[in-house]
Amino acid sequence: MSKPTPGHPRRLRVSRKGLIRAGVIVALLLLVFLEDGPIRGVIKDLRVHAVLKLMHLLTWLGRGWVLGAEAIALYGIGRWLKRPELKQAGVRCLIAVSVAGAAVQVIKHLVGRPRPRLVDRGIVDWGPSFVSGHDSLPSGHTISAFAMAAVLSAFYPAGQWIWYALAVLVAFTRIYIDAHFPSDVFVGAVLGVLIGVWASRLKRERLKS
């Protein structure tokens, strides 16, 4: 196999697994978009007042500032206990949540998808907008929760089912309280995982610079 000559970048290679995963994600995304209405309808029919109140409380677990505070706490505990890995996990969680928060704001306002409450009033137009309520896609709570779950899973894989279960819980609360469509949550989860994986793989040199 010939080596790349100096000054010439390596040719980008896409694995078969990567293509399959991308295809599955796109197929699922299309399916969720098509089933947005039916899924939302089923959840609304099964909604219970007491559970709804609980979901309104649990959805706070996905707020960016809450996750950011948790990341800072991880760093502080790691420093106090002199555990470098825990410190690194805290730093990368904070990076992931920060990048996720910035990315979601850009995407939300470029897409301008109306939230469910607006759609119920007949407002269905998409497009760049800073109007309140035209910021449904993707779910900010979901992207942040999954970004942090991906980082924690990279550092502590034994507990990955816990991290992702919490992220799924946050995502479900957004649908249950009717703040987002299922597709908003799906897109947020995919983007969150991508950002979290990227943050967890950052080189230590970059973090120190």
N, C-alpha and C. Protein backbone atom coordinates (compact mmCIF):
# COMPACT_ATOMS: atom_id res chain seq x y z
N MET A 1 0.85 -1.20 0.00
CA MET A 1 0.00 0.00 0.00
C MET A 1 0.88 1.25 0.00
N SER A 2 0.65 2.14 -0.91
CA SER A 2 1.47 3.34 -1.02
C SER A 2 1.12 4.32 0.08
N LYS A 3 2.16 4.95 0.65
CA LYS A 3 1.95 5.93 1.70
C LYS A 3 1.65 7.28 1.09
N PRO A 4 0.83 8.10 1.78
CA PRO A 4 0.52 9.42 1.24
C PRO A 4 1.76 10.29 1.23
N THR A 5 1.95 11.03 0.17
CA THR A 5 3.12 11.90 0.06
C THR A 5 2.94 13.10 0.96
N PRO A 6 4.07 13.67 1.48
CA PRO A 6 3.99 14.83 2.35
C PRO A 6 3.21 15.96 1.69
N GLY A 7 2.38 16.60 2.46
CA GLY A 7 1.62 17.73 1.93
C GLY A 7 0.29 17.35 1.34
N HIS A 8 0.07 16.05 1.17
CA HIS A 8 -1.19 15.58 0.62
C HIS A 8 -1.98 14.89 1.72
N PRO A 9 -3.20 15.34 1.99
CA PRO A 9 -4.00 14.73 3.06
C PRO A 9 -4.41 13.32 2.71
N ARG A 10 -4.64 12.53 3.76
CA ARG A 10 -5.12 11.17 3.54
C ARG A 10 -6.52 11.20 2.93
N ARG A 11 -6.79 10.25 2.08
CA ARG A 11 -8.12 10.16 1.48
C ARG A 11 -9.12 9.70 2.54
N LEU A 12 -10.22 10.41 2.65
CA LEU A 12 -11.24 10.08 3.64
C LEU A 12 -11.89 8.75 3.30
N ARG A 13 -11.87 7.85 4.25
CA ARG A 13 -12.45 6.54 4.03
C ARG A 13 -13.70 6.38 4.89
N VAL A 14 -14.74 5.88 4.31
CA VAL A 14 -15.98 5.63 5.03
C VAL A 14 -16.18 4.13 5.10
N SER A 15 -16.24 3.59 6.30
CA SER A 15 -16.39 2.15 6.46
C SER A 15 -17.80 1.70 6.09
N ARG A 16 -17.91 0.41 5.82
CA ARG A 16 -19.22 -0.14 5.49
C ARG A 16 -20.16 -0.02 6.69
N LYS A 17 -19.62 -0.24 7.90
CA LYS A 17 -20.43 -0.10 9.10
C LYS A 17 -20.94 1.32 9.26
N GLY A 18 -20.06 2.28 8.93
CA GLY A 18 -20.44 3.68 9.04
C GLY A 18 -21.59 4.02 8.10
N LEU A 19 -21.50 3.49 6.88
CA LEU A 19 -22.56 3.74 5.90
C LEU A 19 -23.88 3.10 6.34
N ILE A 20 -23.77 1.89 6.88
CA ILE A 20 -24.98 1.20 7.34
C ILE A 20 -25.63 1.96 8.49
N ARG A 21 -24.82 2.41 9.42
CA ARG A 21 -25.35 3.17 10.56
C ARG A 21 -26.01 4.45 10.09
N ALA A 22 -25.36 5.14 9.16
CA ALA A 22 -25.92 6.38 8.64
C ALA A 22 -27.25 6.11 7.94
N GLY A 23 -27.28 5.02 7.16
CA GLY A 23 -28.52 4.67 6.47
C GLY A 23 -29.64 4.35 7.43
N VAL A 24 -29.32 3.62 8.49
CA VAL A 24 -30.34 3.28 9.50
C VAL A 24 -30.87 4.54 10.18
N ILE A 25 -29.96 5.46 10.51
CA ILE A 25 -30.37 6.71 11.17
C ILE A 25 -31.29 7.52 10.26
N VAL A 26 -30.93 7.63 8.98
CA VAL A 26 -31.76 8.38 8.04
C VAL A 26 -33.13 7.72 7.90
N ALA A 27 -33.14 6.39 7.80
CA ALA A 27 -34.41 5.67 7.66
C ALA A 27 -35.29 5.87 8.89
N LEU A 28 -34.69 5.79 10.08
CA LEU A 28 -35.44 5.99 11.31
C LEU A 28 -35.96 7.42 11.42
N LEU A 29 -35.12 8.36 10.97
CA LEU A 29 -35.53 9.77 11.01
C LEU A 29 -36.76 9.99 10.13
N LEU A 30 -36.74 9.44 8.93
CA LEU A 30 -37.88 9.57 8.03
C LEU A 30 -39.13 8.92 8.63
N LEU A 31 -38.93 7.76 9.26
CA LEU A 31 -40.05 7.05 9.87
C LEU A 31 -40.65 7.86 11.01
N VAL A 32 -39.77 8.42 11.85
CA VAL A 32 -40.26 9.20 12.99
C VAL A 32 -40.99 10.45 12.51
N PHE A 33 -40.46 11.11 11.48
CA PHE A 33 -41.13 12.29 10.94
C PHE A 33 -42.53 11.93 10.44
N LEU A 34 -42.63 10.80 9.75
CA LEU A 34 -43.92 10.37 9.21
C LEU A 34 -44.90 10.02 10.32
N GLU A 35 -44.37 9.52 11.44
CA GLU A 35 -45.23 9.07 12.54
C GLU A 35 -45.32 10.08 13.68
N ASP A 36 -44.85 11.30 13.46
CA ASP A 36 -44.90 12.33 14.51
C ASP A 36 -46.30 12.47 15.10
N GLY A 37 -47.27 12.63 14.22
CA GLY A 37 -48.64 12.85 14.66
C GLY A 37 -49.21 11.68 15.44
N PRO A 38 -49.15 10.46 14.87
CA PRO A 38 -49.68 9.29 15.59
C PRO A 38 -49.01 9.06 16.95
N ILE A 39 -47.68 9.18 17.00
CA ILE A 39 -46.97 8.98 18.27
C ILE A 39 -47.42 10.01 19.30
N ARG A 40 -47.50 11.25 18.86
CA ARG A 40 -47.94 12.32 19.75
C ARG A 40 -49.36 12.06 20.24
N GLY A 41 -50.22 11.59 19.34
CA GLY A 41 -51.60 11.32 19.70
C GLY A 41 -51.72 10.22 20.74
N VAL A 42 -50.94 9.16 20.58
CA VAL A 42 -50.97 8.04 21.53
C VAL A 42 -50.54 8.50 22.92
N ILE A 43 -49.44 9.27 22.97
CA ILE A 43 -48.94 9.75 24.26
C ILE A 43 -49.93 10.69 24.93
N LYS A 44 -50.58 11.54 24.14
CA LYS A 44 -51.58 12.46 24.71
C LYS A 44 -52.77 11.69 25.27
N ASP A 45 -53.16 10.61 24.60
CA ASP A 45 -54.29 9.81 25.07
C ASP A 45 -53.96 9.08 26.37
N LEU A 46 -52.69 8.73 26.56
CA LEU A 46 -52.28 7.99 27.75
C LEU A 46 -51.82 8.91 28.88
N ARG A 47 -51.87 10.20 28.66
CA ARG A 47 -51.34 11.15 29.65
C ARG A 47 -52.18 11.14 30.93
N VAL A 48 -51.47 11.12 32.06
CA VAL A 48 -52.09 11.17 33.38
C VAL A 48 -51.61 12.43 34.09
N HIS A 49 -52.51 13.13 34.75
CA HIS A 49 -52.18 14.43 35.34
C HIS A 49 -51.01 14.33 36.33
N ALA A 50 -51.03 13.33 37.21
CA ALA A 50 -49.97 13.20 38.20
C ALA A 50 -48.61 12.95 37.54
N VAL A 51 -48.62 12.10 36.50
CA VAL A 51 -47.38 11.82 35.77
C VAL A 51 -46.92 13.05 35.01
N LEU A 52 -47.87 13.81 34.48
CA LEU A 52 -47.52 15.03 33.75
C LEU A 52 -46.78 16.01 34.65
N LYS A 53 -47.26 16.15 35.89
CA LYS A 53 -46.58 17.04 36.85
C LYS A 53 -45.17 16.54 37.14
N LEU A 54 -45.02 15.21 37.26
CA LEU A 54 -43.71 14.63 37.50
C LEU A 54 -42.78 14.87 36.33
N MET A 55 -43.30 14.73 35.11
CA MET A 55 -42.49 14.94 33.91
C MET A 55 -42.02 16.39 33.80
N HIS A 56 -42.85 17.32 34.24
CA HIS A 56 -42.46 18.72 34.23
C HIS A 56 -41.28 18.97 35.17
N LEU A 57 -41.20 18.19 36.24
CA LEU A 57 -40.07 18.31 37.16
C LEU A 57 -38.83 17.62 36.60
N LEU A 58 -39.01 16.40 36.07
CA LEU A 58 -37.88 15.63 35.56
C LEU A 58 -37.24 16.27 34.34
N THR A 59 -38.01 17.03 33.57
CA THR A 59 -37.46 17.62 32.35
C THR A 59 -36.34 18.60 32.66
N TRP A 60 -36.30 19.09 33.91
CA TRP A 60 -35.22 20.00 34.31
C TRP A 60 -33.86 19.33 34.28
N LEU A 61 -33.84 18.00 34.33
CA LEU A 61 -32.57 17.27 34.29
C LEU A 61 -31.82 17.53 32.98
N GLY A 62 -32.53 17.96 31.95
CA GLY A 62 -31.90 18.19 30.66
C GLY A 62 -31.54 19.63 30.37
N ARG A 63 -31.80 20.51 31.32
CA ARG A 63 -31.44 21.92 31.11
C ARG A 63 -29.92 22.07 31.04
N GLY A 64 -29.48 22.92 30.12
CA GLY A 64 -28.05 23.09 29.92
C GLY A 64 -27.30 23.52 31.16
N TRP A 65 -27.88 24.46 31.91
CA TRP A 65 -27.16 24.95 33.11
C TRP A 65 -27.10 23.89 34.20
N VAL A 66 -28.11 23.01 34.26
CA VAL A 66 -28.08 21.92 35.23
C VAL A 66 -26.98 20.92 34.89
N LEU A 67 -26.91 20.54 33.60
CA LEU A 67 -25.88 19.61 33.17
C LEU A 67 -24.49 20.24 33.27
N GLY A 68 -24.41 21.54 32.98
CA GLY A 68 -23.13 22.24 33.12
C GLY A 68 -22.66 22.25 34.56
N ALA A 69 -23.60 22.47 35.49
CA ALA A 69 -23.26 22.46 36.92
C ALA A 69 -22.79 21.07 37.35
N GLU A 70 -23.42 20.03 36.80
CA GLU A 70 -23.01 18.66 37.12
C GLU A 70 -21.61 18.38 36.60
N ALA A 71 -21.31 18.90 35.40
CA ALA A 71 -19.97 18.70 34.82
C ALA A 71 -18.92 19.39 35.68
N ILE A 72 -19.21 20.60 36.13
CA ILE A 72 -18.28 21.33 36.99
C ILE A 72 -18.11 20.59 38.32
N ALA A 73 -19.19 20.02 38.83
CA ALA A 73 -19.12 19.26 40.08
C ALA A 73 -18.22 18.03 39.90
N LEU A 74 -18.35 17.36 38.75
CA LEU A 74 -17.49 16.21 38.48
C LEU A 74 -16.01 16.61 38.49
N TYR A 75 -15.74 17.74 37.86
CA TYR A 75 -14.35 18.23 37.84
C TYR A 75 -13.87 18.52 39.25
N GLY A 76 -14.73 19.21 40.03
CA GLY A 76 -14.35 19.56 41.39
C GLY A 76 -14.12 18.35 42.27
N ILE A 77 -14.98 17.34 42.15
CA ILE A 77 -14.82 16.12 42.93
C ILE A 77 -13.55 15.38 42.51
N GLY A 78 -13.31 15.36 41.20
CA GLY A 78 -12.11 14.70 40.70
C GLY A 78 -10.84 15.37 41.20
N ARG A 79 -10.89 16.68 41.27
CA ARG A 79 -9.72 17.42 41.77
C ARG A 79 -9.53 17.20 43.26
N TRP A 80 -10.65 17.17 43.99
CA TRP A 80 -10.59 16.98 45.43
C TRP A 80 -10.08 15.59 45.79
N LEU A 81 -10.55 14.59 45.03
CA LEU A 81 -10.13 13.21 45.28
C LEU A 81 -8.83 12.86 44.57
N LYS A 82 -8.29 13.80 43.79
CA LYS A 82 -7.06 13.59 43.02
C LYS A 82 -7.21 12.41 42.06
N ARG A 83 -8.32 12.49 41.29
CA ARG A 83 -8.60 11.46 40.29
C ARG A 83 -8.65 12.13 38.92
N PRO A 84 -7.53 12.09 38.18
CA PRO A 84 -7.43 12.77 36.88
C PRO A 84 -8.51 12.36 35.89
N GLU A 85 -8.89 11.08 35.88
CA GLU A 85 -9.90 10.62 34.93
C GLU A 85 -11.24 11.30 35.19
N LEU A 86 -11.62 11.45 36.45
CA LEU A 86 -12.87 12.11 36.79
C LEU A 86 -12.83 13.59 36.42
N LYS A 87 -11.65 14.21 36.60
CA LYS A 87 -11.48 15.61 36.19
C LYS A 87 -11.66 15.74 34.69
N GLN A 88 -11.03 14.83 33.94
CA GLN A 88 -11.14 14.87 32.48
C GLN A 88 -12.58 14.66 32.03
N ALA A 89 -13.28 13.76 32.72
CA ALA A 89 -14.68 13.51 32.38
C ALA A 89 -15.50 14.78 32.59
N GLY A 90 -15.23 15.48 33.69
CA GLY A 90 -15.94 16.72 33.96
C GLY A 90 -15.68 17.78 32.92
N VAL A 91 -14.41 17.92 32.54
CA VAL A 91 -14.03 18.91 31.54
C VAL A 91 -14.70 18.62 30.20
N ARG A 92 -14.66 17.37 29.80
CA ARG A 92 -15.22 17.02 28.49
C ARG A 92 -16.74 17.05 28.49
N CYS A 93 -17.34 16.74 29.63
CA CYS A 93 -18.80 16.89 29.73
C CYS A 93 -19.18 18.35 29.56
N LEU A 94 -18.41 19.24 30.18
CA LEU A 94 -18.70 20.67 30.08
C LEU A 94 -18.53 21.15 28.65
N ILE A 95 -17.49 20.67 27.97
CA ILE A 95 -17.28 21.03 26.57
C ILE A 95 -18.44 20.53 25.72
N ALA A 96 -18.82 19.28 25.93
CA ALA A 96 -19.90 18.69 25.14
C ALA A 96 -21.22 19.43 25.33
N VAL A 97 -21.54 19.75 26.58
CA VAL A 97 -22.80 20.45 26.86
C VAL A 97 -22.77 21.86 26.28
N SER A 98 -21.62 22.52 26.37
CA SER A 98 -21.49 23.89 25.84
C SER A 98 -21.63 23.90 24.32
N VAL A 99 -20.94 22.97 23.66
CA VAL A 99 -21.02 22.90 22.19
C VAL A 99 -22.44 22.53 21.77
N ALA A 100 -23.05 21.59 22.49
CA ALA A 100 -24.42 21.17 22.17
C ALA A 100 -25.38 22.35 22.31
N GLY A 101 -25.19 23.14 23.38
CA GLY A 101 -26.06 24.30 23.60
C GLY A 101 -25.93 25.33 22.50
N ALA A 102 -24.69 25.59 22.07
CA ALA A 102 -24.47 26.56 21.00
C ALA A 102 -25.02 26.05 19.67
N ALA A 103 -24.75 24.77 19.38
CA ALA A 103 -25.19 24.19 18.11
C ALA A 103 -26.71 24.18 18.00
N VAL A 104 -27.37 23.83 19.09
CA VAL A 104 -28.83 23.71 19.03
C VAL A 104 -29.49 25.06 18.80
N GLN A 105 -28.91 26.12 19.34
CA GLN A 105 -29.50 27.44 19.13
C GLN A 105 -29.40 27.87 17.67
N VAL A 106 -28.26 27.57 17.05
CA VAL A 106 -28.08 27.91 15.64
C VAL A 106 -29.06 27.12 14.78
N ILE A 107 -29.12 25.81 15.01
CA ILE A 107 -29.98 24.95 14.20
C ILE A 107 -31.45 25.30 14.40
N LYS A 108 -31.85 25.49 15.66
CA LYS A 108 -33.25 25.81 15.97
C LYS A 108 -33.76 26.99 15.16
N HIS A 109 -32.96 28.06 15.16
CA HIS A 109 -33.43 29.29 14.53
C HIS A 109 -33.25 29.29 13.02
N LEU A 110 -32.36 28.45 12.51
CA LEU A 110 -32.24 28.30 11.06
C LEU A 110 -33.41 27.47 10.52
N VAL A 111 -33.77 26.42 11.25
CA VAL A 111 -34.87 25.55 10.81
C VAL A 111 -36.21 26.22 11.07
N GLY A 112 -36.39 26.79 12.26
CA GLY A 112 -37.61 27.52 12.58
C GLY A 112 -38.87 26.66 12.58
N ARG A 113 -38.76 25.44 13.07
CA ARG A 113 -39.95 24.58 13.12
C ARG A 113 -40.87 25.00 14.26
N PRO A 114 -42.16 25.18 13.99
CA PRO A 114 -43.11 25.54 15.05
C PRO A 114 -43.26 24.42 16.08
N ARG A 115 -43.39 24.79 17.32
CA ARG A 115 -43.61 23.81 18.38
C ARG A 115 -45.04 23.27 18.28
N PRO A 116 -45.29 22.13 18.95
CA PRO A 116 -46.61 21.50 18.86
C PRO A 116 -47.78 22.44 19.16
N ARG A 117 -47.62 23.32 20.16
CA ARG A 117 -48.73 24.20 20.52
C ARG A 117 -49.08 25.16 19.39
N LEU A 118 -48.08 25.54 18.60
CA LEU A 118 -48.34 26.42 17.46
C LEU A 118 -48.97 25.65 16.30
N VAL A 119 -48.52 24.43 16.11
CA VAL A 119 -49.09 23.59 15.05
C VAL A 119 -50.58 23.36 15.32
N ASP A 120 -50.93 23.20 16.58
CA ASP A 120 -52.33 23.00 16.94
C ASP A 120 -53.18 24.22 16.60
N ARG A 121 -52.53 25.38 16.47
CA ARG A 121 -53.23 26.61 16.11
C ARG A 121 -53.17 26.87 14.61
N GLY A 122 -52.62 25.91 13.87
CA GLY A 122 -52.58 26.03 12.42
C GLY A 122 -51.33 26.66 11.86
N ILE A 123 -50.32 26.91 12.71
CA ILE A 123 -49.07 27.51 12.25
C ILE A 123 -48.11 26.38 11.91
N VAL A 124 -47.83 26.20 10.63
CA VAL A 124 -47.03 25.06 10.19
C VAL A 124 -45.83 25.44 9.33
N ASP A 125 -45.61 26.71 9.09
CA ASP A 125 -44.51 27.14 8.21
C ASP A 125 -43.17 27.01 8.91
N TRP A 126 -42.20 26.46 8.18
CA TRP A 126 -40.83 26.37 8.67
C TRP A 126 -39.99 27.46 8.02
N GLY A 127 -38.85 27.77 8.60
CA GLY A 127 -37.93 28.73 7.99
C GLY A 127 -37.20 29.52 9.05
N PRO A 128 -36.05 30.11 8.68
CA PRO A 128 -35.27 30.88 9.66
C PRO A 128 -36.16 31.88 10.41
N SER A 129 -36.07 31.84 11.73
CA SER A 129 -36.93 32.69 12.53
C SER A 129 -36.41 32.81 13.95
N PHE A 130 -36.64 33.99 14.54
CA PHE A 130 -36.34 34.21 15.95
C PHE A 130 -37.62 34.43 16.74
N VAL A 131 -38.75 34.13 16.11
CA VAL A 131 -40.04 34.29 16.77
C VAL A 131 -40.21 33.19 17.81
N SER A 132 -40.72 33.55 18.97
CA SER A 132 -40.93 32.59 20.05
C SER A 132 -41.83 31.44 19.59
N GLY A 133 -41.41 30.23 19.87
CA GLY A 133 -42.19 29.06 19.50
C GLY A 133 -41.77 28.42 18.20
N HIS A 134 -40.97 29.14 17.41
CA HIS A 134 -40.47 28.60 16.14
C HIS A 134 -39.05 28.05 16.36
N ASP A 135 -38.94 27.17 17.33
CA ASP A 135 -37.63 26.64 17.71
C ASP A 135 -37.75 25.20 18.22
N SER A 136 -38.54 24.41 17.52
CA SER A 136 -38.83 23.06 18.01
C SER A 136 -37.76 22.03 17.66
N LEU A 137 -37.13 22.18 16.51
CA LEU A 137 -36.16 21.17 16.02
C LEU A 137 -34.74 21.71 16.06
N PRO A 138 -33.82 21.02 16.76
CA PRO A 138 -34.02 19.83 17.59
C PRO A 138 -34.30 20.20 19.04
N SER A 139 -34.53 19.19 19.86
CA SER A 139 -34.77 19.40 21.28
C SER A 139 -33.46 19.72 21.99
N GLY A 140 -33.40 20.89 22.62
CA GLY A 140 -32.17 21.30 23.31
C GLY A 140 -31.89 20.45 24.54
N HIS A 141 -32.93 20.12 25.30
CA HIS A 141 -32.74 19.27 26.47
C HIS A 141 -32.16 17.91 26.06
N THR A 142 -32.69 17.37 24.96
CA THR A 142 -32.27 16.05 24.52
C THR A 142 -30.83 16.04 24.02
N ILE A 143 -30.47 17.03 23.22
CA ILE A 143 -29.11 17.05 22.67
C ILE A 143 -28.08 17.19 23.78
N SER A 144 -28.38 17.99 24.81
CA SER A 144 -27.45 18.17 25.92
C SER A 144 -27.35 16.90 26.76
N ALA A 145 -28.50 16.28 27.03
CA ALA A 145 -28.51 15.06 27.85
C ALA A 145 -27.74 13.92 27.17
N PHE A 146 -27.94 13.76 25.87
CA PHE A 146 -27.25 12.68 25.16
C PHE A 146 -25.77 12.99 24.96
N ALA A 147 -25.42 14.26 24.83
CA ALA A 147 -24.01 14.63 24.71
C ALA A 147 -23.26 14.25 25.98
N MET A 148 -23.87 14.54 27.13
CA MET A 148 -23.23 14.20 28.41
C MET A 148 -23.22 12.70 28.61
N ALA A 149 -24.29 12.02 28.22
CA ALA A 149 -24.34 10.56 28.36
C ALA A 149 -23.24 9.89 27.54
N ALA A 150 -22.97 10.42 26.34
CA ALA A 150 -21.94 9.84 25.48
C ALA A 150 -20.55 9.99 26.10
N VAL A 151 -20.31 11.16 26.70
CA VAL A 151 -19.00 11.38 27.34
C VAL A 151 -18.84 10.46 28.54
N LEU A 152 -19.85 10.40 29.39
CA LEU A 152 -19.77 9.55 30.58
C LEU A 152 -19.63 8.08 30.19
N SER A 153 -20.27 7.69 29.10
CA SER A 153 -20.17 6.30 28.64
C SER A 153 -18.77 5.98 28.15
N ALA A 154 -18.10 6.99 27.57
CA ALA A 154 -16.73 6.79 27.09
C ALA A 154 -15.75 6.61 28.26
N PHE A 155 -15.99 7.35 29.35
CA PHE A 155 -15.10 7.27 30.50
C PHE A 155 -15.48 6.13 31.45
N TYR A 156 -16.77 5.87 31.56
CA TYR A 156 -17.24 4.84 32.48
C TYR A 156 -18.25 3.93 31.76
N PRO A 157 -17.75 3.10 30.86
CA PRO A 157 -18.63 2.25 30.03
C PRO A 157 -19.48 1.28 30.82
N ALA A 158 -19.04 0.90 32.01
CA ALA A 158 -19.82 -0.04 32.81
C ALA A 158 -21.19 0.54 33.19
N GLY A 159 -21.26 1.86 33.25
CA GLY A 159 -22.52 2.48 33.63
C GLY A 159 -23.25 3.13 32.47
N GLN A 160 -22.87 2.78 31.24
CA GLN A 160 -23.45 3.47 30.09
C GLN A 160 -24.96 3.30 29.99
N TRP A 161 -25.49 2.17 30.44
CA TRP A 161 -26.94 1.98 30.38
C TRP A 161 -27.65 2.97 31.31
N ILE A 162 -26.97 3.35 32.40
CA ILE A 162 -27.54 4.34 33.32
C ILE A 162 -27.53 5.71 32.68
N TRP A 163 -26.37 6.09 32.09
CA TRP A 163 -26.25 7.43 31.48
C TRP A 163 -27.27 7.59 30.35
N TYR A 164 -27.37 6.58 29.51
CA TYR A 164 -28.30 6.68 28.37
C TYR A 164 -29.76 6.55 28.81
N ALA A 165 -30.00 5.79 29.87
CA ALA A 165 -31.36 5.67 30.38
C ALA A 165 -31.85 7.03 30.89
N LEU A 166 -30.96 7.76 31.55
CA LEU A 166 -31.31 9.10 32.03
C LEU A 166 -31.55 10.05 30.86
N ALA A 167 -30.73 9.92 29.82
CA ALA A 167 -30.91 10.76 28.63
C ALA A 167 -32.23 10.45 27.94
N VAL A 168 -32.56 9.16 27.85
CA VAL A 168 -33.84 8.76 27.24
C VAL A 168 -35.00 9.29 28.07
N LEU A 169 -34.86 9.27 29.39
CA LEU A 169 -35.90 9.81 30.27
C LEU A 169 -36.14 11.28 29.99
N VAL A 170 -35.04 12.04 29.88
CA VAL A 170 -35.15 13.46 29.56
C VAL A 170 -35.85 13.65 28.22
N ALA A 171 -35.44 12.86 27.23
CA ALA A 171 -36.04 12.96 25.90
C ALA A 171 -37.54 12.68 25.95
N PHE A 172 -37.90 11.65 26.71
CA PHE A 172 -39.32 11.28 26.80
C PHE A 172 -40.15 12.38 27.48
N THR A 173 -39.56 13.05 28.47
CA THR A 173 -40.30 14.13 29.14
C THR A 173 -40.67 15.23 28.17
N ARG A 174 -39.80 15.49 27.20
CA ARG A 174 -40.05 16.57 26.24
C ARG A 174 -41.25 16.25 25.35
N ILE A 175 -41.42 14.96 25.05
CA ILE A 175 -42.58 14.55 24.26
C ILE A 175 -43.83 14.50 25.13
N TYR A 176 -43.66 13.98 26.35
CA TYR A 176 -44.81 13.80 27.24
C TYR A 176 -45.46 15.12 27.62
N ILE A 177 -44.64 16.16 27.86
CA ILE A 177 -45.23 17.45 28.22
C ILE A 177 -45.60 18.26 26.98
N ASP A 178 -45.43 17.65 25.81
CA ASP A 178 -45.83 18.24 24.53
C ASP A 178 -45.02 19.48 24.18
N ALA A 179 -43.75 19.50 24.60
CA ALA A 179 -42.87 20.61 24.25
C ALA A 179 -42.21 20.39 22.89
N HIS A 180 -42.14 19.12 22.46
CA HIS A 180 -41.48 18.78 21.20
C HIS A 180 -42.19 17.61 20.52
N PHE A 181 -41.96 17.52 19.22
CA PHE A 181 -42.40 16.35 18.47
C PHE A 181 -41.38 15.23 18.66
N PRO A 182 -41.77 13.97 18.46
CA PRO A 182 -40.82 12.87 18.57
C PRO A 182 -39.60 13.04 17.67
N SER A 183 -39.79 13.58 16.47
CA SER A 183 -38.66 13.76 15.55
C SER A 183 -37.68 14.80 16.07
N ASP A 184 -38.16 15.81 16.80
CA ASP A 184 -37.26 16.80 17.41
C ASP A 184 -36.32 16.11 18.39
N VAL A 185 -36.90 15.19 19.15
CA VAL A 185 -36.15 14.46 20.16
C VAL A 185 -35.16 13.49 19.51
N PHE A 186 -35.60 12.83 18.43
CA PHE A 186 -34.72 11.89 17.73
C PHE A 186 -33.50 12.60 17.17
N VAL A 187 -33.72 13.72 16.51
CA VAL A 187 -32.60 14.49 15.94
C VAL A 187 -31.68 14.97 17.06
N GLY A 188 -32.26 15.43 18.16
CA GLY A 188 -31.45 15.89 19.29
C GLY A 188 -30.59 14.78 19.86
N ALA A 189 -31.14 13.57 19.93
CA ALA A 189 -30.39 12.43 20.47
C ALA A 189 -29.20 12.08 19.57
N VAL A 190 -29.42 12.05 18.26
CA VAL A 190 -28.35 11.72 17.32
C VAL A 190 -27.24 12.77 17.38
N LEU A 191 -27.62 14.04 17.33
CA LEU A 191 -26.62 15.11 17.38
C LEU A 191 -25.89 15.11 18.72
N GLY A 192 -26.63 14.84 19.80
CA GLY A 192 -26.01 14.82 21.11
C GLY A 192 -24.94 13.74 21.23
N VAL A 193 -25.24 12.55 20.72
CA VAL A 193 -24.27 11.46 20.76
C VAL A 193 -23.04 11.81 19.94
N LEU A 194 -23.24 12.40 18.76
CA LEU A 194 -22.10 12.78 17.91
C LEU A 194 -21.21 13.79 18.61
N ILE A 195 -21.82 14.79 19.24
CA ILE A 195 -21.05 15.81 19.95
C ILE A 195 -20.34 15.20 21.16
N GLY A 196 -21.04 14.33 21.87
CA GLY A 196 -20.43 13.70 23.04
C GLY A 196 -19.25 12.81 22.68
N VAL A 197 -19.38 12.04 21.61
CA VAL A 197 -18.28 11.19 21.16
C VAL A 197 -17.09 12.05 20.75
N TRP A 198 -17.37 13.15 20.03
CA TRP A 198 -16.29 14.06 19.63
C TRP A 198 -15.58 14.63 20.85
N ALA A 199 -16.33 15.09 21.83
CA ALA A 199 -15.74 15.69 23.02
C ALA A 199 -14.92 14.68 23.82
N SER A 200 -15.39 13.45 23.88
CA SER A 200 -14.69 12.44 24.65
C SER A 200 -13.38 12.03 24.00
N ARG A 201 -13.26 12.28 22.70
CA ARG A 201 -12.04 11.89 21.98
C ARG A 201 -11.04 13.03 21.82
N LEU A 202 -11.35 14.18 22.36
CA LEU A 202 -10.42 15.29 22.27
C LEU A 202 -9.09 14.92 22.91
N LYS A 203 -8.00 15.35 22.27
CA LYS A 203 -6.68 15.06 22.83
C LYS A 203 -6.43 15.96 24.04
N ARG A 204 -5.71 15.43 24.99
CA ARG A 204 -5.40 16.20 26.19
C ARG A 204 -4.65 17.48 25.87
N GLU A 205 -3.83 17.43 24.81
CA GLU A 205 -3.05 18.61 24.44
C GLU A 205 -3.97 19.77 24.07
N ARG A 206 -5.07 19.44 23.37
CA ARG A 206 -6.00 20.47 22.97
C ARG A 206 -6.68 21.09 24.18
N LEU A 207 -6.97 20.27 25.17
CA LEU A 207 -7.64 20.77 26.37
C LEU A 207 -6.72 21.65 27.19
N LYS A 208 -5.42 21.38 27.13
CA LYS A 208 -4.46 22.16 27.92
C LYS A 208 -4.11 23.47 27.24
N SER A 209 -4.27 23.52 25.89
CA SER A 209 -3.85 24.72 25.15
C SER A 209 -4.85 25.84 25.31
